[in-house]
Amino acid sequence: MVGLIVRFVVSALVLMAVSFISPGFVVEGGFTGALIAAVVIAVLGYIAESLLGERVSPQRRGVVGFVTAAVVIYLAQFIIPNLLSVSLLGAIISAFVIGIIDAIVPTVVR
């Protein structure tokens, strides 16, 4: 349970950082908004992984995983429109930046 909480806190901090770095990607509501966005993105990612298989999992990021991450980030804005605003280019850039950050800072507690 603690690992799950740490993962969402780190994910929310990453989303806040990406919001400052990436044009067309805005997280409203401060840390709370980023935390809610992290939960929504995680749920959509879980659904995508369930439907498409392990090729889209964070451990096996390739072109399919990158495209899936961009689509998940883009679709999340329609679930929480008051907290997340993402352009198509913003989703692509943020998926790239999140992929780089995820490779450097692991969000899974072992």
C-alpha atoms as a PDB file:
ATOM      1  CA  MET A   1       0.000   0.000   0.000  1.00  0.00           C
ATOM      2  CA  VAL A   2       2.843   2.399   0.831  1.00  0.00           C
ATOM      3  CA  GLY A   3       4.445   1.621  -2.527  1.00  0.00           C
ATOM      4  CA  LEU A   4       1.241   2.555  -4.329  1.00  0.00           C
ATOM      5  CA  ILE A   5       1.018   5.868  -2.480  1.00  0.00           C
ATOM      6  CA  VAL A   6       4.665   6.656  -3.228  1.00  0.00           C
ATOM      7  CA  ARG A   7       4.122   5.834  -6.897  1.00  0.00           C
ATOM      8  CA  PHE A   8       1.165   8.219  -7.201  1.00  0.00           C
ATOM      9  CA  VAL A   9       2.986  10.992  -5.333  1.00  0.00           C
ATOM     10  CA  VAL A  10       6.015  10.641  -7.625  1.00  0.00           C
ATOM     11  CA  SER A  11       3.730  10.494 -10.681  1.00  0.00           C
ATOM     12  CA  ALA A  12       1.936  13.664  -9.565  1.00  0.00           C
ATOM     13  CA  LEU A  13       5.273  15.453  -9.094  1.00  0.00           C
ATOM     14  CA  VAL A  14       6.346  14.306 -12.573  1.00  0.00           C
ATOM     15  CA  LEU A  15       3.095  15.641 -14.052  1.00  0.00           C
ATOM     16  CA  MET A  16       3.660  18.992 -12.353  1.00  0.00           C
ATOM     17  CA  ALA A  17       7.208  19.139 -13.741  1.00  0.00           C
ATOM     18  CA  VAL A  18       6.023  18.189 -17.224  1.00  0.00           C
ATOM     19  CA  SER A  19       3.373  20.899 -16.993  1.00  0.00           C
ATOM     20  CA  PHE A  20       6.162  23.466 -16.645  1.00  0.00           C
ATOM     21  CA  ILE A  21       8.366  21.928 -19.354  1.00  0.00           C
ATOM     22  CA  SER A  22       5.919  20.869 -22.069  1.00  0.00           C
ATOM     23  CA  PRO A  23       3.963  23.368 -24.171  1.00  0.00           C
ATOM     24  CA  GLY A  24       0.314  22.422 -24.547  1.00  0.00           C
ATOM     25  CA  PHE A  25       0.211  20.432 -21.298  1.00  0.00           C
ATOM     26  CA  VAL A  26      -1.386  22.174 -18.314  1.00  0.00           C
ATOM     27  CA  VAL A  27      -2.275  20.673 -14.939  1.00  0.00           C
ATOM     28  CA  GLU A  28      -4.602  22.875 -12.874  1.00  0.00           C
ATOM     29  CA  GLY A  29      -5.295  22.609  -9.167  1.00  0.00           C
ATOM     30  CA  GLY A  30      -1.711  22.313  -7.920  1.00  0.00           C
ATOM     31  CA  PHE A  31      -0.591  19.066  -6.339  1.00  0.00           C
ATOM     32  CA  THR A  32      -4.167  17.834  -5.782  1.00  0.00           C
ATOM     33  CA  GLY A  33      -4.998  18.288  -9.468  1.00  0.00           C
ATOM     34  CA  ALA A  34      -1.787  16.527 -10.455  1.00  0.00           C
ATOM     35  CA  LEU A  35      -2.563  13.664  -8.070  1.00  0.00           C
ATOM     36  CA  ILE A  36      -6.059  13.220  -9.534  1.00  0.00           C
ATOM     37  CA  ALA A  37      -4.595  13.405 -13.063  1.00  0.00           C
ATOM     38  CA  ALA A  38      -2.012  10.749 -12.111  1.00  0.00           C
ATOM     39  CA  VAL A  39      -4.781   8.439 -10.897  1.00  0.00           C
ATOM     40  CA  VAL A  40      -6.865   8.961 -14.068  1.00  0.00           C
ATOM     41  CA  ILE A  41      -3.841   8.413 -16.327  1.00  0.00           C
ATOM     42  CA  ALA A  42      -2.903   5.277 -14.360  1.00  0.00           C
ATOM     43  CA  VAL A  43      -6.428   3.859 -14.687  1.00  0.00           C
ATOM     44  CA  LEU A  44      -6.544   4.608 -18.432  1.00  0.00           C
ATOM     45  CA  GLY A  45      -3.060   3.085 -18.813  1.00  0.00           C
ATOM     46  CA  TYR A  46      -4.199  -0.029 -16.961  1.00  0.00           C
ATOM     47  CA  ILE A  47      -7.221  -0.343 -19.256  1.00  0.00           C
ATOM     48  CA  ALA A  48      -5.019   0.121 -22.343  1.00  0.00           C
ATOM     49  CA  GLU A  49      -2.564  -2.494 -21.084  1.00  0.00           C
ATOM     50  CA  SER A  50      -5.427  -4.902 -20.381  1.00  0.00           C
ATOM     51  CA  LEU A  51      -6.788  -4.463 -23.899  1.00  0.00           C
ATOM     52  CA  LEU A  52      -3.500  -4.318 -25.837  1.00  0.00           C
ATOM     53  CA  GLY A  53      -1.268  -6.587 -23.785  1.00  0.00           C
ATOM     54  CA  GLU A  54       2.161  -6.131 -22.267  1.00  0.00           C
ATOM     55  CA  ARG A  55       3.607  -4.337 -25.322  1.00  0.00           C
ATOM     56  CA  VAL A  56       2.291  -1.075 -23.865  1.00  0.00           C
ATOM     57  CA  SER A  57       3.564  -1.570 -20.317  1.00  0.00           C
ATOM     58  CA  PRO A  58       6.109   0.908 -18.928  1.00  0.00           C
ATOM     59  CA  GLN A  59       8.770  -1.796 -18.771  1.00  0.00           C
ATOM     60  CA  ARG A  60       8.474  -2.463 -22.512  1.00  0.00           C
ATOM     61  CA  ARG A  61       8.096   1.043 -23.896  1.00  0.00           C
ATOM     62  CA  GLY A  62       8.622   1.099 -27.603  1.00  0.00           C
ATOM     63  CA  VAL A  63       6.797   2.878 -30.372  1.00  0.00           C
ATOM     64  CA  VAL A  64       3.513   1.225 -29.382  1.00  0.00           C
ATOM     65  CA  GLY A  65       4.027   2.147 -25.727  1.00  0.00           C
ATOM     66  CA  PHE A  66       4.939   5.726 -26.624  1.00  0.00           C
ATOM     67  CA  VAL A  67       1.877   6.179 -28.853  1.00  0.00           C
ATOM     68  CA  THR A  68      -0.346   4.554 -26.226  1.00  0.00           C
ATOM     69  CA  ALA A  69       1.022   6.886 -23.532  1.00  0.00           C
ATOM     70  CA  ALA A  70       0.331   9.936 -25.723  1.00  0.00           C
ATOM     71  CA  VAL A  71      -3.230   8.740 -26.431  1.00  0.00           C
ATOM     72  CA  VAL A  72      -3.861   8.000 -22.724  1.00  0.00           C
ATOM     73  CA  ILE A  73      -2.611  11.455 -21.723  1.00  0.00           C
ATOM     74  CA  TYR A  74      -4.717  13.103 -24.434  1.00  0.00           C
ATOM     75  CA  LEU A  75      -7.871  11.172 -23.456  1.00  0.00           C
ATOM     76  CA  ALA A  76      -7.426  11.927 -19.735  1.00  0.00           C
ATOM     77  CA  GLN A  77      -8.280  15.574 -20.353  1.00  0.00           C
ATOM     78  CA  PHE A  78     -11.824  14.583 -21.354  1.00  0.00           C
ATOM     79  CA  ILE A  79     -12.369  12.779 -18.044  1.00  0.00           C
ATOM     80  CA  ILE A  80     -11.060  15.633 -15.888  1.00  0.00           C
ATOM     81  CA  PRO A  81     -11.447  18.742 -18.092  1.00  0.00           C
ATOM     82  CA  ASN A  82     -11.153  21.198 -15.194  1.00  0.00           C
ATOM     83  CA  LEU A  83      -7.799  19.779 -14.082  1.00  0.00           C
ATOM     84  CA  LEU A  84      -5.996  18.777 -17.275  1.00  0.00           C
ATOM     85  CA  SER A  85      -5.667  20.513 -20.623  1.00  0.00           C
ATOM     86  CA  VAL A  86      -3.582  18.862 -23.327  1.00  0.00           C
ATOM     87  CA  SER A  87      -3.084  19.612 -27.006  1.00  0.00           C
ATOM     88  CA  LEU A  88      -2.157  16.810 -29.396  1.00  0.00           C
ATOM     89  CA  LEU A  89       1.426  18.089 -29.626  1.00  0.00           C
ATOM     90  CA  GLY A  90       1.460  18.540 -25.837  1.00  0.00           C
ATOM     91  CA  ALA A  91       0.431  14.896 -25.381  1.00  0.00           C
ATOM     92  CA  ILE A  92       3.232  13.720 -27.659  1.00  0.00           C
ATOM     93  CA  ILE A  93       5.867  15.902 -25.986  1.00  0.00           C
ATOM     94  CA  SER A  94       4.663  15.029 -22.493  1.00  0.00           C
ATOM     95  CA  ALA A  95       4.660  11.282 -23.283  1.00  0.00           C
ATOM     96  CA  PHE A  96       8.274  11.667 -24.428  1.00  0.00           C
ATOM     97  CA  VAL A  97       9.302  13.680 -21.357  1.00  0.00           C
ATOM     98  CA  ILE A  98       7.450  11.336 -18.971  1.00  0.00           C
ATOM     99  CA  GLY A  99       9.151   8.365 -20.677  1.00  0.00           C
ATOM    100  CA  ILE A 100      12.570   9.935 -20.121  1.00  0.00           C
ATOM    101  CA  ILE A 101      11.789  10.829 -16.500  1.00  0.00           C
ATOM    102  CA  ASP A 102      10.348   7.342 -15.918  1.00  0.00           C
ATOM    103  CA  ALA A 103      13.576   5.806 -17.216  1.00  0.00           C
ATOM    104  CA  ILE A 104      15.668   7.954 -14.854  1.00  0.00           C
ATOM    105  CA  VAL A 105      13.394   8.026 -11.769  1.00  0.00           C
ATOM    106  CA  PRO A 106      11.673   4.671 -11.273  1.00  0.00           C
ATOM    107  CA  THR A 107       8.126   4.998  -9.930  1.00  0.00           C
ATOM    108  CA  VAL A 108       7.944   1.389  -8.768  1.00  0.00           C
ATOM    109  CA  VAL A 109       9.037   0.744  -5.185  1.00  0.00           C
ATOM    110  CA  ARG A 110      10.818  -2.602  -4.935  1.00  0.00           C
END
